[in-house]
């Protein structure tokens, strides 16, 4: 459903990659791997429509994401490398804020249950500025339940997450795919995923995909 077609990306007049082609279908997880500087985060931003490629295009259901961006973003949840939460708000208030961003009305979720799922029971009303880096990351990851989207694009989602949290997040990713969802992510973790759902694409600096 998502297709990267002949993508090229430059940064500070330096070519990160070019001629990049790959697709992802429902029920798949793709991990973008590569050394620092290979352009992993830049690629995710291109796929999310947050920046434009030097050449090539990103297609969603056969149409350029630049042609119908609102339609595409209604199906997309992008979580960047930073937590992206409002530190002055509580965990509960952040989730309510994220829910308010939805352009399509869906039933109000059980925020307390969601925060309990990510290990934040009892901290719902604590300002996020008082939470640890790992706890702030868990608030951001709670969006996976609040904003129901088909495609998840996640930049280093396991950052500051403990071993137990990593195993739990792997389970969530797999469950999403088993329900027909799609995940594209970067991580330095070695993931334990069934081969029928999971593949790794190695991004080589200045050369594109290997």
Protein backbone atom coordinates (compact mmCIF):
# COMPACT_ATOMS: atom_id res chain seq x y z
CA UNK A 1 0.00 0.00 0.00
CA UNK A 2 3.00 2.30 0.53
CA UNK A 3 5.64 2.44 -2.19
CA UNK A 4 8.91 4.38 -2.22
CA UNK A 5 9.76 5.00 -5.87
CA UNK A 6 13.26 6.08 -6.93
CA UNK A 7 13.70 8.19 -3.81
CA UNK A 8 16.73 10.42 -3.44
CA UNK A 9 17.61 12.53 -0.42
CA UNK A 10 20.23 15.22 0.09
CA UNK A 11 21.28 17.07 3.22
CA UNK A 12 23.59 20.08 3.23
CA UNK A 13 24.31 19.41 -0.47
CA UNK A 14 25.40 15.87 0.40
CA UNK A 15 23.55 12.93 -1.12
CA UNK A 16 22.40 10.50 1.54
CA UNK A 17 20.81 7.98 -0.82
CA UNK A 18 19.31 7.76 -4.29
CA UNK A 19 17.38 5.32 -6.48
CA UNK A 20 15.65 3.86 -3.44
CA UNK A 21 12.71 1.51 -4.11
CA UNK A 22 10.66 -0.63 -1.74
CA UNK A 23 7.04 -1.35 -0.79
CA UNK A 24 5.16 -2.39 2.32
CA UNK A 25 1.82 -4.18 2.44
CA UNK A 26 -0.67 -4.81 5.22
CA UNK A 27 0.62 -7.22 7.86
CA UNK A 28 4.27 -6.26 7.40
CA UNK A 29 6.98 -4.72 9.61
CA UNK A 30 9.99 -3.14 7.92
CA UNK A 31 13.04 -2.15 9.92
CA UNK A 32 15.26 0.45 8.26
CA UNK A 33 18.83 -0.27 9.35
CA UNK A 34 22.15 1.39 8.63
CA UNK A 35 25.09 3.22 10.16
CA UNK A 36 24.73 6.70 11.63
CA UNK A 37 24.52 9.19 8.79
CA UNK A 38 23.02 6.76 6.30
CA UNK A 39 19.77 8.76 6.26
CA UNK A 40 17.40 6.57 8.29
CA UNK A 41 15.56 9.43 10.00
CA UNK A 42 15.57 11.44 6.78
CA UNK A 43 13.94 8.49 5.00
CA UNK A 44 11.22 8.21 7.65
CA UNK A 45 10.46 11.92 7.32
CA UNK A 46 10.11 11.50 3.55
CA UNK A 47 7.77 8.56 4.02
CA UNK A 48 5.70 10.56 6.51
CA UNK A 49 5.44 13.51 4.13
CA UNK A 50 7.29 15.83 6.52
CA UNK A 51 9.97 16.66 3.95
CA UNK A 52 10.32 16.40 0.19
CA UNK A 53 12.72 14.09 -1.68
CA UNK A 54 15.37 15.47 -3.99
CA UNK A 55 13.79 13.22 -6.60
CA UNK A 56 11.34 10.33 -6.74
CA UNK A 57 8.06 10.04 -4.85
CA UNK A 58 6.17 8.22 -2.13
CA UNK A 59 2.92 6.55 -3.19
CA UNK A 60 0.01 5.54 -0.97
CA UNK A 61 -2.50 3.22 -2.65
CA UNK A 62 -1.03 4.24 -6.00
CA UNK A 63 -1.29 8.01 -5.46
CA UNK A 64 1.44 10.47 -4.49
CA UNK A 65 1.17 11.40 -0.81
CA UNK A 66 1.72 15.01 -1.88
CA UNK A 67 -1.45 14.95 -3.97
CA UNK A 68 -3.81 13.94 -1.15
CA UNK A 69 -1.86 14.63 2.07
CA UNK A 70 -4.91 14.81 4.36
CA UNK A 71 -6.21 11.44 3.18
CA UNK A 72 -2.78 9.91 3.76
CA UNK A 73 -2.24 11.43 7.20
CA UNK A 74 -5.60 10.11 8.37
CA UNK A 75 -4.05 6.64 8.01
CA UNK A 76 -0.60 7.53 9.41
CA UNK A 77 0.88 7.76 12.89
CA UNK A 78 4.42 9.16 12.96
CA UNK A 79 6.50 9.16 16.14
CA UNK A 80 9.86 10.86 15.85
CA UNK A 81 13.07 10.23 17.74
CA UNK A 82 12.06 12.75 20.41
CA UNK A 83 9.06 12.06 22.64
CA UNK A 84 7.11 14.94 21.11
CA UNK A 85 4.95 15.52 24.19
CA UNK A 86 4.07 18.72 26.03
CA UNK A 87 6.13 18.71 29.23
CA UNK A 88 3.83 21.13 31.05
CA UNK A 89 0.85 18.79 30.58
CA UNK A 90 0.22 15.58 32.47
CA UNK A 91 0.32 12.17 30.78
CA UNK A 92 -3.48 12.15 30.75
CA UNK A 93 -3.70 15.67 29.30
CA UNK A 94 -1.18 14.78 26.58
CA UNK A 95 -3.30 11.82 25.47
CA UNK A 96 -6.42 13.97 25.44
CA UNK A 97 -4.54 16.54 23.35
CA UNK A 98 -3.40 13.86 20.88
CA UNK A 99 -6.95 12.57 20.60
CA UNK A 100 -8.14 16.08 19.76
CA UNK A 101 -5.85 16.09 16.72
CA UNK A 102 -7.92 13.37 15.04
CA UNK A 103 -9.82 14.70 12.03
CA UNK A 104 -12.15 11.69 12.12
CA UNK A 105 -14.40 11.26 15.14
CA UNK A 106 -13.89 7.95 16.93
CA UNK A 107 -15.07 6.79 20.37
CA UNK A 108 -13.23 8.29 23.33
CA UNK A 109 -10.67 5.74 24.57
CA UNK A 110 -10.10 4.70 28.18
CA UNK A 111 -7.05 6.84 28.87
CA UNK A 112 -6.39 5.31 32.29
CA UNK A 113 -6.37 1.80 30.81
CA UNK A 114 -4.00 2.89 28.04
CA UNK A 115 -1.58 4.50 30.49
CA UNK A 116 -1.70 1.37 32.63
CA UNK A 117 -0.79 -0.69 29.56
CA UNK A 118 2.40 1.33 29.08
CA UNK A 119 3.33 1.11 32.76
CA UNK A 120 2.18 4.56 33.91
CA UNK A 121 -0.62 3.59 36.30
CA UNK A 122 -0.66 6.06 39.17
CA UNK A 123 1.22 8.71 37.16
CA UNK A 124 -1.70 9.86 35.01
CA UNK A 125 -1.86 13.37 36.54
CA UNK A 126 1.89 13.88 36.98
CA UNK A 127 3.31 16.69 34.77
CA UNK A 128 5.47 15.07 32.12
CA UNK A 129 8.34 17.38 33.07
CA UNK A 130 8.59 15.36 36.30
CA UNK A 131 8.74 11.99 34.50
CA UNK A 132 11.90 10.15 33.53
CA UNK A 133 12.99 9.95 29.88
CA UNK A 134 11.69 6.38 29.67
CA UNK A 135 8.34 7.36 31.17
CA UNK A 136 8.02 10.28 28.76
CA UNK A 137 8.70 7.87 25.91
CA UNK A 138 5.91 5.65 27.20
CA UNK A 139 3.50 8.61 27.09
CA UNK A 140 4.43 9.13 23.43
CA UNK A 141 3.97 5.42 22.66
CA UNK A 142 0.50 5.52 24.22
CA UNK A 143 -0.56 7.33 21.05
CA UNK A 144 -0.51 3.94 19.32
CA UNK A 145 -3.78 3.22 21.15
CA UNK A 146 -5.24 6.73 21.20
CA UNK A 147 -4.88 7.50 17.48
CA UNK A 148 -5.96 4.40 15.58
CA UNK A 149 -4.01 4.42 12.29
CA UNK A 150 -3.18 1.79 9.69
CA UNK A 151 0.47 2.79 9.11
CA UNK A 152 2.91 3.39 11.95
CA UNK A 153 6.22 5.13 11.15
CA UNK A 154 8.39 5.03 14.26
CA UNK A 155 11.86 6.51 14.69
CA UNK A 156 13.75 4.66 17.45
CA UNK A 157 10.62 3.73 19.46
CA UNK A 158 12.66 1.65 21.94
CA UNK A 159 14.79 4.59 23.09
CA UNK A 160 14.93 4.82 26.92
CA UNK A 161 12.66 1.76 27.24
CA UNK A 162 13.75 -1.03 29.61
CA UNK A 163 14.02 -4.71 28.62
CA UNK A 164 10.50 -5.53 29.76
CA UNK A 165 9.15 -2.54 27.84
CA UNK A 166 10.99 -3.62 24.69
CA UNK A 167 9.40 -7.08 24.82
CA UNK A 168 5.96 -5.56 25.37
CA UNK A 169 6.35 -3.10 22.48
CA UNK A 170 7.48 -5.92 20.17
CA UNK A 171 4.24 -7.70 21.06
CA UNK A 172 2.20 -4.58 20.26
CA UNK A 173 3.89 -4.16 16.87
CA UNK A 174 3.20 -7.77 15.98
CA UNK A 175 -0.44 -7.54 17.08
CA UNK A 176 -0.89 -4.44 14.92
CA UNK A 177 0.41 -6.32 11.88
CA UNK A 178 -1.72 -9.37 12.61
CA UNK A 179 -4.75 -7.06 12.49
CA UNK A 180 -3.69 -5.82 9.05
CA UNK A 181 -1.56 -2.86 10.11
CA UNK A 182 1.86 -1.84 8.82
CA UNK A 183 4.98 -0.66 10.64
CA UNK A 184 8.13 1.03 9.36
CA UNK A 185 10.70 1.74 12.06
CA UNK A 186 14.31 2.39 12.87
CA UNK A 187 15.95 0.82 15.89
CA UNK A 188 19.32 -0.40 17.09
CA UNK A 189 17.56 -3.31 18.79
CA UNK A 190 17.63 -6.82 17.36
CA UNK A 191 13.92 -7.59 17.12
CA UNK A 192 12.35 -10.97 17.69
CA UNK A 193 9.70 -11.13 14.96
CA UNK A 194 8.23 -13.93 12.80
CA UNK A 195 9.82 -13.97 9.36
CA UNK A 196 6.45 -13.82 7.59
CA UNK A 197 5.79 -10.37 9.06
CA UNK A 198 9.26 -8.89 9.36
CA UNK A 199 12.13 -7.85 7.12
CA UNK A 200 15.14 -5.59 7.43
CA UNK A 201 16.23 -3.10 4.78
CA UNK A 202 19.83 -1.97 5.08
CA UNK A 203 20.39 1.64 4.09
CA UNK A 204 23.95 2.24 3.04
CA UNK A 205 25.23 5.82 3.23
CA UNK A 206 25.51 7.49 -0.19
CA UNK A 207 24.43 4.31 -2.02
CA UNK A 208 20.80 3.67 -1.10
CA UNK A 209 19.47 0.23 -0.31
CA UNK A 210 21.58 -2.91 -0.05
